[in-house]
Amino acid sequence: MRQIPHYVQCLLSALQFRNADPEALRSLDEPQWQQLLQFCDLAHLTFPLWRNSGKALPGWVRERIERNAADNTKRFDRIKQVYLELAKALDDVHADYLVLKGFAQYPGYVEDPRLRMQSDIDLYCPAESIFRARDKFLTLGYQVPPVLERAPADHLPVMIRKTDWEWRGNAFDPEMPPSVELHFCLWNETTARFVPKGLEEFWSRRVTQHLDDFSFPALDPVDNLGFSALHALRDVFSGDWVVHRIYEMARFLHTNVENRSFWKRAPAATRGTTTSIANNGAYVPGCATIHQAFANAAITTTKARAATSIRGETGAGATANRPMLS
């Protein structure tokens, strides 16, 4: 029988959008808090825990997460500067693109991009632009680290600048160099063996998003919900970390439940495409409620934690102490 650790059950209770019960966290002892913090770092739920359960957190936990938030604010500033450099480089070679995930999830999926863990910049490029983009990034000093050379499902091999930075146990380290992923598709039919009808139509609906003092091309909000659902589904298939994706979608649905203009557009704009999957509830297959979906995602993530620890012993992917964030 599948079981969720007690400390994760307490987390799920605290993060509910209705009838949340952060008081359950008070039952945890210090070793359980250490386990929960490690889990939250890996599952990208450290800041939701803090924002939703501040008064129920022990003082030392609250202080630790406040330090994380200060680091992550600096990290966001660095990611923004790196993105602006990449955007100029893409404009120089006339490469079309749009931003996926990361800070593009603001505002619907996260209250502040500074409260979202991000270690890479995901860009989608159409076929006629993606290799111009890659070649331009190579001139900027980006390269493919040997340990990351593998065949990803939907993007070219990860690129990162070579620096002297070393992992020091801080998942929010402002000095951690952000990597870049150039996506050639939103869903890989070859690996998944099926594809939503009309998926390619997202490109004609792309929009310009504004954040602070900069702007960027992004998915239409309707398509972004569909892409988020597909991404979560892909991670379920691969046994990857998924609980934060379910949580972010739950936040979007909760904060947009009365957004009539969005829901009026969604069926007409995406009939048979990405968001039809979200509309039909396929992103939580077999789940009657978002709570059940969240719990199932927690089980998947707990299993992924064990798997990534094993991969870490062989030098590949994330480890229990060094998450890979997106």
Protein backbone atom coordinates (compact mmCIF):
# COMPACT_ATOMS: atom_id res chain seq x y z
CA MET A 1 0.00 0.00 0.00
CA ARG A 2 1.27 3.44 -0.89
CA GLN A 3 2.01 5.60 2.15
CA ILE A 4 2.90 9.24 2.56
CA PRO A 5 5.35 10.09 5.36
CA HIS A 6 3.73 11.84 8.32
CA TYR A 7 5.71 15.04 7.76
CA VAL A 8 4.49 15.20 4.14
CA GLN A 9 0.90 14.60 5.27
CA CYS A 10 1.27 17.60 7.57
CA LEU A 11 2.63 19.63 4.66
CA LEU A 12 -0.33 18.72 2.45
CA SER A 13 -2.75 19.74 5.18
CA ALA A 14 -1.00 23.09 5.54
CA LEU A 15 -0.99 23.86 1.81
CA GLN A 16 -4.67 23.31 1.10
CA PHE A 17 -6.35 26.30 -0.52
CA ARG A 18 -9.51 25.63 1.47
CA ASN A 19 -9.67 24.46 5.09
CA ALA A 20 -5.91 24.48 5.47
CA ASP A 21 -4.59 23.08 8.75
CA PRO A 22 -1.05 24.36 9.37
CA GLU A 23 -1.42 23.47 13.05
CA ALA A 24 -0.70 19.85 12.10
CA LEU A 25 2.92 20.94 11.63
CA ARG A 26 3.27 21.51 15.36
CA SER A 27 3.30 17.75 15.87
CA LEU A 28 6.68 17.41 14.14
CA ASP A 29 9.89 16.98 16.13
CA GLU A 30 13.23 18.38 14.98
CA PRO A 31 14.38 15.32 12.98
CA GLN A 32 11.02 15.32 11.17
CA TRP A 33 11.42 19.03 10.44
CA GLN A 34 14.83 18.32 8.95
CA GLN A 35 13.26 15.68 6.72
CA LEU A 36 10.43 18.01 5.74
CA LEU A 37 12.79 20.87 4.85
CA GLN A 38 14.88 18.57 2.70
CA PHE A 39 11.72 17.32 1.01
CA CYS A 40 10.43 20.87 0.45
CA ASP A 41 13.74 22.01 -1.07
CA LEU A 42 13.65 19.12 -3.51
CA ALA A 43 9.92 19.47 -4.20
CA HIS A 44 10.09 23.28 -4.62
CA LEU A 45 7.64 23.81 -1.75
CA THR A 46 9.85 25.62 0.76
CA PHE A 47 8.34 29.04 0.08
CA PRO A 48 4.69 27.88 -0.04
CA LEU A 49 5.30 26.22 3.33
CA TRP A 50 6.63 29.50 4.71
CA ARG A 51 3.91 31.70 3.21
CA ASN A 52 1.06 29.45 4.31
CA SER A 53 2.29 28.29 7.71
CA GLY A 54 4.51 31.02 9.12
CA LYS A 55 3.00 31.06 12.63
CA ALA A 56 3.14 27.27 12.93
CA LEU A 57 6.85 27.08 12.10
CA PRO A 58 9.50 26.75 14.81
CA GLY A 59 11.68 29.84 15.08
CA TRP A 60 14.76 28.14 13.65
CA VAL A 61 12.78 26.88 10.63
CA ARG A 62 11.34 30.35 9.99
CA GLU A 63 14.81 31.93 10.20
CA ARG A 64 16.24 29.33 7.83
CA ILE A 65 13.55 29.95 5.21
CA GLU A 66 13.90 33.72 5.57
CA ARG A 67 17.59 33.30 4.66
CA ASN A 68 16.51 31.14 1.70
CA ALA A 69 14.12 33.88 0.57
CA ALA A 70 16.84 36.55 0.79
CA ASP A 71 19.15 34.35 -1.29
CA ASN A 72 16.43 33.57 -3.80
CA THR A 73 15.67 37.27 -4.28
CA LYS A 74 19.29 37.81 -5.28
CA ARG A 75 19.10 34.72 -7.45
CA PHE A 76 16.04 36.06 -9.28
CA ASP A 77 17.94 39.27 -10.05
CA ARG A 78 20.77 37.21 -11.50
CA ILE A 79 18.42 35.09 -13.60
CA LYS A 80 16.75 38.23 -14.90
CA GLN A 81 20.09 39.67 -16.00
CA VAL A 82 21.10 36.41 -17.67
CA TYR A 83 17.76 36.27 -19.47
CA LEU A 84 18.14 39.85 -20.75
CA GLU A 85 21.58 38.94 -22.13
CA LEU A 86 20.16 35.84 -23.83
CA ALA A 87 17.21 37.79 -25.23
CA LYS A 88 19.54 40.34 -26.82
CA ALA A 89 21.65 37.53 -28.29
CA LEU A 90 18.54 35.92 -29.80
CA ASP A 91 17.43 39.23 -31.26
CA ASP A 92 20.90 39.72 -32.77
CA VAL A 93 20.53 36.49 -34.80
CA HIS A 94 16.79 36.97 -35.46
CA ALA A 95 15.85 33.80 -33.60
CA ASP A 96 12.21 33.51 -32.56
CA TYR A 97 11.48 32.12 -29.10
CA LEU A 98 9.25 32.24 -26.06
CA VAL A 99 9.90 31.70 -22.36
CA LEU A 100 8.59 28.56 -20.64
CA LYS A 101 8.19 27.88 -16.92
CA GLY A 102 10.33 29.76 -14.40
CA PHE A 103 9.40 33.42 -14.00
CA ALA A 104 6.85 33.00 -16.82
CA GLN A 105 4.64 31.22 -14.25
CA TYR A 106 4.00 34.56 -12.54
CA PRO A 107 1.40 35.72 -11.62
CA GLY A 108 -1.08 32.85 -11.96
CA TYR A 109 1.00 30.02 -10.54
CA VAL A 110 3.13 31.81 -7.96
CA GLU A 111 2.55 34.97 -5.94
CA ASP A 112 6.02 36.38 -6.64
CA PRO A 113 8.77 35.07 -8.96
CA ARG A 114 11.22 35.70 -6.12
CA LEU A 115 9.36 33.01 -4.18
CA ARG A 116 9.81 30.35 -6.84
CA MET A 117 12.92 28.18 -7.06
CA GLN A 118 14.53 28.40 -10.49
CA SER A 119 17.94 27.27 -11.65
CA ASP A 120 17.52 27.23 -15.43
CA ILE A 121 15.97 29.31 -18.19
CA ASP A 122 13.69 27.37 -20.52
CA LEU A 123 13.19 28.75 -24.02
CA TYR A 124 11.11 27.30 -26.83
CA CYS A 125 12.42 27.95 -30.35
CA PRO A 126 10.79 26.85 -33.62
CA ALA A 127 12.82 24.60 -35.91
CA GLU A 128 14.11 27.43 -38.09
CA SER A 129 15.53 29.28 -35.05
CA ILE A 130 16.71 26.73 -32.52
CA PHE A 131 20.15 25.99 -33.95
CA ARG A 132 20.87 29.68 -34.56
CA ALA A 133 20.03 30.19 -30.90
CA ARG A 134 22.28 27.32 -29.81
CA ASP A 135 25.21 28.51 -31.91
CA LYS A 136 24.85 32.05 -30.59
CA PHE A 137 24.84 30.83 -27.00
CA LEU A 138 28.03 28.88 -27.69
CA THR A 139 29.72 32.17 -28.62
CA LEU A 140 28.68 33.54 -25.22
CA GLY A 141 30.59 30.78 -23.45
CA TYR A 142 27.79 28.28 -22.89
CA GLN A 143 28.64 24.60 -23.25
CA VAL A 144 27.19 21.17 -22.57
CA PRO A 145 28.70 19.68 -19.39
CA PRO A 146 29.75 16.05 -19.99
CA VAL A 147 27.70 14.81 -17.01
CA LEU A 148 24.56 16.28 -18.61
CA GLU A 149 25.10 14.89 -22.09
CA ARG A 150 22.04 12.71 -22.64
CA ALA A 151 19.01 12.69 -24.86
CA PRO A 152 16.29 14.83 -23.24
CA ALA A 153 12.66 14.36 -24.20
CA ASP A 154 11.87 17.81 -25.50
CA HIS A 155 14.96 20.02 -25.59
CA LEU A 156 18.56 20.12 -26.78
CA PRO A 157 21.22 19.14 -24.23
CA VAL A 158 21.40 21.54 -21.29
CA MET A 159 23.87 24.41 -21.73
CA ILE A 160 25.72 26.20 -18.96
CA ARG A 161 28.68 28.54 -18.65
CA LYS A 162 31.78 27.06 -17.07
CA THR A 163 32.57 28.78 -13.78
CA ASP A 164 34.42 28.07 -10.54
CA TRP A 165 31.14 27.69 -8.65
CA GLU A 166 30.80 24.58 -6.50
CA TRP A 167 27.79 23.08 -4.76
CA ARG A 168 27.82 24.06 -1.07
CA GLY A 169 24.51 22.60 0.06
CA ASN A 170 22.41 25.72 -0.60
CA ALA A 171 19.66 25.13 -3.16
CA PHE A 172 19.00 28.89 -3.17
CA ASP A 173 22.61 29.97 -3.70
CA PRO A 174 22.59 33.31 -5.56
CA GLU A 175 25.92 32.43 -7.17
CA MET A 176 24.66 29.20 -8.74
CA PRO A 177 25.07 29.70 -12.51
CA PRO A 178 21.74 29.27 -14.33
CA SER A 179 21.65 26.76 -17.15
CA VAL A 180 19.71 27.13 -20.41
CA GLU A 181 17.39 24.64 -22.09
CA LEU A 182 16.36 25.17 -25.72
CA HIS A 183 13.09 23.31 -26.29
CA PHE A 184 12.14 22.08 -29.74
CA CYS A 185 8.66 20.87 -28.71
CA LEU A 186 6.15 21.11 -25.88
CA TRP A 187 5.35 17.40 -26.03
CA ASN A 188 7.47 14.65 -27.54
CA GLU A 189 5.21 12.27 -29.45
CA THR A 190 8.09 9.88 -30.14
CA THR A 191 8.74 9.16 -26.47
CA ALA A 192 5.14 9.47 -25.22
CA ARG A 193 3.59 7.52 -28.14
CA PHE A 194 0.64 9.94 -28.35
CA VAL A 195 0.08 13.64 -28.89
CA PRO A 196 -2.81 16.04 -28.17
CA LYS A 197 -4.56 17.17 -31.33
CA GLY A 198 -3.70 20.66 -32.55
CA LEU A 199 -0.80 21.13 -30.14
CA GLU A 200 1.17 23.21 -32.63
CA GLU A 201 -1.44 25.98 -32.62
CA PHE A 202 0.01 27.57 -29.47
CA TRP A 203 2.59 29.50 -31.50
CA SER A 204 0.03 31.73 -33.19
CA ARG A 205 -1.46 32.66 -29.79
CA ARG A 206 1.78 33.64 -28.01
CA VAL A 207 1.71 36.86 -26.00
CA THR A 208 4.08 39.40 -24.43
CA GLN A 209 4.29 39.23 -20.64
CA HIS A 210 5.50 42.09 -18.45
CA LEU A 211 7.39 41.66 -15.20
CA ASP A 212 9.06 44.43 -13.21
CA ASP A 213 11.04 46.48 -15.73
CA PHE A 214 11.26 43.93 -18.56
CA SER A 215 9.02 41.96 -20.90
CA PHE A 216 9.28 38.63 -22.68
CA PRO A 217 7.36 36.46 -25.18
CA ALA A 218 5.35 33.70 -23.50
CA LEU A 219 2.53 31.23 -23.93
CA ASP A 220 -1.00 32.55 -23.90
CA PRO A 221 -2.39 31.91 -20.37
CA VAL A 222 -4.80 29.34 -21.80
CA ASP A 223 -1.95 27.45 -23.45
CA ASN A 224 0.23 27.80 -20.37
CA LEU A 225 -2.34 25.93 -18.29
CA GLY A 226 -2.37 23.18 -20.89
CA PHE A 227 1.41 23.07 -21.07
CA SER A 228 1.65 22.92 -17.27
CA ALA A 229 -0.75 19.96 -17.32
CA LEU A 230 1.23 18.19 -20.03
CA HIS A 231 4.49 18.84 -18.21
CA ALA A 232 3.09 17.36 -15.00
CA LEU A 233 1.79 14.35 -16.93
CA ARG A 234 5.21 13.82 -18.53
CA ASP A 235 6.86 13.95 -15.11
CA VAL A 236 4.39 11.37 -13.78
CA PHE A 237 5.33 9.07 -16.66
CA SER A 238 9.04 9.53 -15.97
CA GLY A 239 8.80 9.32 -12.17
CA ASP A 240 10.17 12.84 -11.83
CA TRP A 241 9.34 15.55 -9.30
CA VAL A 242 5.74 16.59 -9.87
CA VAL A 243 4.11 17.75 -6.63
CA HIS A 244 5.08 21.42 -7.14
CA ARG A 245 3.56 21.40 -10.63
CA ILE A 246 0.27 20.13 -9.23
CA TYR A 247 0.43 22.74 -6.47
CA GLU A 248 1.07 25.56 -8.93
CA MET A 249 -1.82 24.45 -11.15
CA ALA A 250 -4.03 24.22 -8.09
CA ARG A 251 -3.10 27.81 -7.21
CA PHE A 252 -3.93 28.97 -10.74
CA LEU A 253 -7.31 27.22 -10.68
CA HIS A 254 -8.07 28.54 -7.19
CA THR A 255 -7.21 32.15 -8.02
CA ASN A 256 -8.94 32.07 -11.42
CA VAL A 257 -12.12 30.22 -10.54
CA GLU A 258 -14.13 33.43 -11.07
CA ASN A 259 -12.14 34.58 -14.10
CA ARG A 260 -15.00 34.32 -16.57
CA SER A 261 -13.09 35.81 -19.48
CA PHE A 262 -10.41 33.12 -19.16
CA TRP A 263 -12.85 30.21 -18.97
CA LYS A 264 -14.95 31.65 -21.76
CA ARG A 265 -11.88 31.80 -24.00
CA ALA A 266 -10.38 28.46 -23.02
CA PRO A 267 -12.73 26.01 -24.79
CA ALA A 268 -12.95 28.10 -27.96
CA ALA A 269 -9.23 28.84 -28.14
CA THR A 270 -8.00 25.34 -27.39
CA ARG A 271 -10.65 22.88 -28.43
CA GLY A 272 -8.73 19.64 -28.98
CA THR A 273 -5.39 21.15 -27.97
CA THR A 274 -3.26 21.39 -24.86
CA THR A 275 -5.71 22.96 -22.47
CA SER A 276 -8.47 20.55 -23.40
CA ILE A 277 -6.44 18.08 -21.35
CA ALA A 278 -6.61 20.37 -18.34
CA ASN A 279 -10.30 21.12 -18.92
CA ASN A 280 -11.11 17.41 -18.96
CA GLY A 281 -9.13 16.76 -15.78
CA ALA A 282 -6.60 14.49 -17.45
CA TYR A 283 -3.76 16.16 -15.59
CA VAL A 284 -5.02 14.42 -12.47
CA PRO A 285 -6.05 11.06 -13.95
CA GLY A 286 -8.22 9.04 -11.60
CA CYS A 287 -8.40 11.84 -9.03
CA ALA A 288 -11.76 13.16 -7.89
CA THR A 289 -10.31 16.23 -6.16
CA ILE A 290 -7.23 18.41 -6.33
CA HIS A 291 -6.38 17.19 -2.78
CA GLN A 292 -6.24 13.63 -4.08
CA ALA A 293 -4.12 14.77 -7.01
CA PHE A 294 -1.79 16.61 -4.64
CA ALA A 295 -1.48 13.53 -2.43
CA ASN A 296 -0.78 11.28 -5.40
CA ALA A 297 1.81 13.76 -6.62
CA ALA A 298 3.45 13.68 -3.20
CA ILE A 299 3.74 9.90 -3.45
CA THR A 300 5.30 10.23 -6.92
CA THR A 301 7.71 12.87 -5.61
CA THR A 302 8.67 10.75 -2.61
CA LYS A 303 9.52 7.91 -5.00
CA ALA A 304 11.45 10.31 -7.22
CA ARG A 305 13.48 11.42 -4.21
CA ALA A 306 14.70 7.87 -3.76
CA ALA A 307 15.39 7.53 -7.47
CA THR A 308 17.36 10.76 -7.68
CA SER A 309 19.43 9.72 -4.68
CA ILE A 310 20.34 6.52 -6.52
CA ARG A 311 21.17 8.46 -9.72
CA GLY A 312 23.31 10.79 -7.61
CA GLU A 313 25.46 7.90 -6.48
CA THR A 314 26.33 7.26 -10.11
CA GLY A 315 27.01 10.95 -10.78
CA ALA A 316 23.91 11.65 -12.87
CA GLY A 317 21.07 14.06 -12.24
CA ALA A 318 19.98 15.45 -8.89
CA THR A 319 20.72 14.03 -5.48
CA ALA A 320 18.97 14.23 -2.14
CA ASN A 321 21.25 17.16 -1.29
CA ARG A 322 21.48 18.83 -4.68
CA PRO A 323 18.18 19.34 -6.47
CA MET A 324 17.80 20.12 -10.15
CA LEU A 325 15.31 22.97 -10.38
CA SER A 326 13.12 24.20 -13.18
